[in-house]
Amino acid sequence: MEDESMPLPEASCLMTVALAKKWCSCAEWIRLDTVPFSSLARDCGTLLGLGLAQNWKQSGRCLSLNHRALSLAVSSIGLYLMYSLSLPDKSQGLFYCLVFVKFTLVPLIVMVVSPGLVHFFSGKMKKD
């Protein structure tokens, strides 16, 4: 008996970019951050960042309301700086690696770095 199964179509992670550039009237509307692989890299980076932040978060450190407000301000500034960075789109591999790293750092900034900085500098000020 002959195998008459349908051949599998060749799938590429960037197939949608090629099709969009082929059929879109304005090629500058096509960006690498709108393809499904970019959202996969973003989500995987966020999950890794959340796991690392949960593991590195120092428990037992209780911050007062003022320290929490200051931590919120530091986090907001850090996130603004992270999102203002533009990623190079010349190399697709580099772009997706940087997307992964960027979204891994976001939870770390909010959950570990900002409260740690506030705790560190407020502790130094109290000792003086």
Protein backbone atom coordinates (compact mmCIF):
# COMPACT_ATOMS: atom_id res chain seq x y z
CA MET A 1 0.00 0.00 0.00
CA GLU A 2 1.34 3.35 -0.96
CA ASP A 3 1.55 6.19 1.59
CA GLU A 4 -0.62 8.94 0.21
CA SER A 5 -0.42 11.29 3.14
CA MET A 6 -0.23 14.96 2.43
CA PRO A 7 3.27 16.42 2.41
CA LEU A 8 3.94 18.78 5.27
CA PRO A 9 4.36 22.40 4.19
CA GLU A 10 7.67 23.97 4.99
CA ALA A 11 7.20 26.30 7.91
CA SER A 12 9.51 29.09 8.86
CA CYS A 13 9.36 31.30 11.93
CA LEU A 14 9.77 34.31 9.67
CA MET A 15 7.40 33.17 6.93
CA THR A 16 4.89 35.82 7.91
CA VAL A 17 7.49 38.57 7.46
CA ALA A 18 8.29 37.44 3.91
CA LEU A 19 4.60 37.20 3.00
CA ALA A 20 3.82 40.56 4.55
CA LYS A 21 6.69 42.26 2.71
CA LYS A 22 5.52 40.66 -0.51
CA TRP A 23 1.91 41.76 -0.25
CA CYS A 24 1.98 44.94 1.85
CA SER A 25 1.80 48.24 0.00
CA CYS A 26 4.09 50.00 2.53
CA ALA A 27 7.05 47.84 3.48
CA GLU A 28 8.04 50.16 6.37
CA TRP A 29 4.94 49.01 8.25
CA ILE A 30 6.45 45.53 8.59
CA ARG A 31 8.45 45.20 11.81
CA LEU A 32 10.11 42.21 13.42
CA ASP A 33 8.38 42.81 16.75
CA THR A 34 4.97 42.01 15.24
CA VAL A 35 5.71 38.43 14.16
CA PRO A 36 4.66 35.43 16.26
CA PHE A 37 8.26 34.42 17.02
CA SER A 38 8.84 37.80 18.66
CA SER A 39 5.92 37.26 21.02
CA LEU A 40 7.25 33.78 21.81
CA ALA A 41 10.68 35.22 22.67
CA ARG A 42 9.02 37.98 24.73
CA ASP A 43 6.83 35.55 26.69
CA CYS A 44 9.66 33.08 27.32
CA GLY A 45 11.89 35.90 28.51
CA THR A 46 9.19 37.18 30.83
CA LEU A 47 8.64 33.72 32.31
CA LEU A 48 12.37 33.27 32.89
CA GLY A 49 12.59 36.74 34.43
CA LEU A 50 9.68 36.02 36.78
CA GLY A 51 11.25 32.75 37.86
CA LEU A 52 14.63 34.34 38.48
CA ALA A 53 13.09 37.29 40.30
CA GLN A 54 11.05 35.01 42.53
CA ASN A 55 14.17 33.00 43.32
CA TRP A 56 16.40 36.03 43.97
CA LYS A 57 13.84 38.11 45.86
CA GLN A 58 15.04 38.59 49.40
CA SER A 59 12.28 37.54 51.70
CA GLY A 60 11.85 39.01 55.13
CA ARG A 61 12.59 42.54 53.97
CA CYS A 62 9.63 44.68 54.91
CA LEU A 63 9.50 48.07 53.24
CA SER A 64 7.48 50.94 54.66
CA LEU A 65 5.00 52.90 52.57
CA ASN A 66 7.62 55.55 51.76
CA HIS A 67 10.09 52.90 50.66
CA ARG A 68 7.45 51.25 48.49
CA ALA A 69 6.62 54.59 46.84
CA LEU A 70 10.30 55.23 46.20
CA SER A 71 10.67 51.69 44.82
CA LEU A 72 7.72 52.35 42.51
CA ALA A 73 9.39 55.52 41.22
CA VAL A 74 12.73 53.76 40.68
CA SER A 75 10.96 50.87 38.91
CA SER A 76 9.07 53.29 36.67
CA ILE A 77 12.28 55.06 35.68
CA GLY A 78 14.02 51.75 35.03
CA LEU A 79 11.15 50.44 32.92
CA TYR A 80 10.96 53.71 30.98
CA LEU A 81 14.65 53.40 30.16
CA MET A 82 14.25 49.73 29.16
CA TYR A 83 11.35 50.45 26.82
CA SER A 84 13.00 53.52 25.30
CA LEU A 85 15.89 51.38 24.03
CA SER A 86 15.45 50.57 20.37
CA LEU A 87 16.53 47.13 19.26
CA PRO A 88 18.56 46.69 16.05
CA ASP A 89 16.59 45.00 13.30
CA LYS A 90 19.44 44.35 10.88
CA SER A 91 20.03 40.82 12.18
CA GLN A 92 16.95 38.80 13.06
CA GLY A 93 18.81 36.45 15.40
CA LEU A 94 20.30 39.35 17.34
CA PHE A 95 16.90 41.06 17.49
CA TYR A 96 15.17 38.02 18.99
CA CYS A 97 18.00 37.42 21.47
CA LEU A 98 17.78 41.03 22.63
CA VAL A 99 13.99 40.81 22.92
CA PHE A 100 14.43 37.74 25.12
CA VAL A 101 17.05 39.49 27.31
CA LYS A 102 15.03 42.71 27.51
CA PHE A 103 11.90 40.97 28.73
CA THR A 104 13.92 38.82 31.12
CA LEU A 105 15.28 41.96 32.76
CA VAL A 106 11.89 43.69 33.19
CA PRO A 107 10.63 41.51 36.11
CA LEU A 108 14.10 41.57 37.65
CA ILE A 109 14.10 45.36 37.66
CA VAL A 110 10.68 45.56 39.28
CA MET A 111 10.97 42.75 41.82
CA VAL A 112 14.68 42.66 42.73
CA VAL A 113 16.74 45.65 41.62
CA SER A 114 14.44 48.54 42.58
CA PRO A 115 13.54 47.33 46.11
CA GLY A 116 17.18 46.31 46.63
CA LEU A 117 18.45 49.77 45.67
CA VAL A 118 15.89 51.49 47.89
CA HIS A 119 16.74 49.21 50.81
CA PHE A 120 20.48 49.65 50.26
CA PHE A 121 20.43 53.45 50.04
CA SER A 122 17.87 53.94 52.81
CA GLY A 123 19.97 51.74 55.10
CA LYS A 124 23.07 53.82 54.33
CA MET A 125 21.21 57.06 55.04
CA LYS A 126 19.93 55.81 58.41
CA LYS A 127 23.45 54.80 59.49
CA ASP A 128 24.84 58.31 58.76
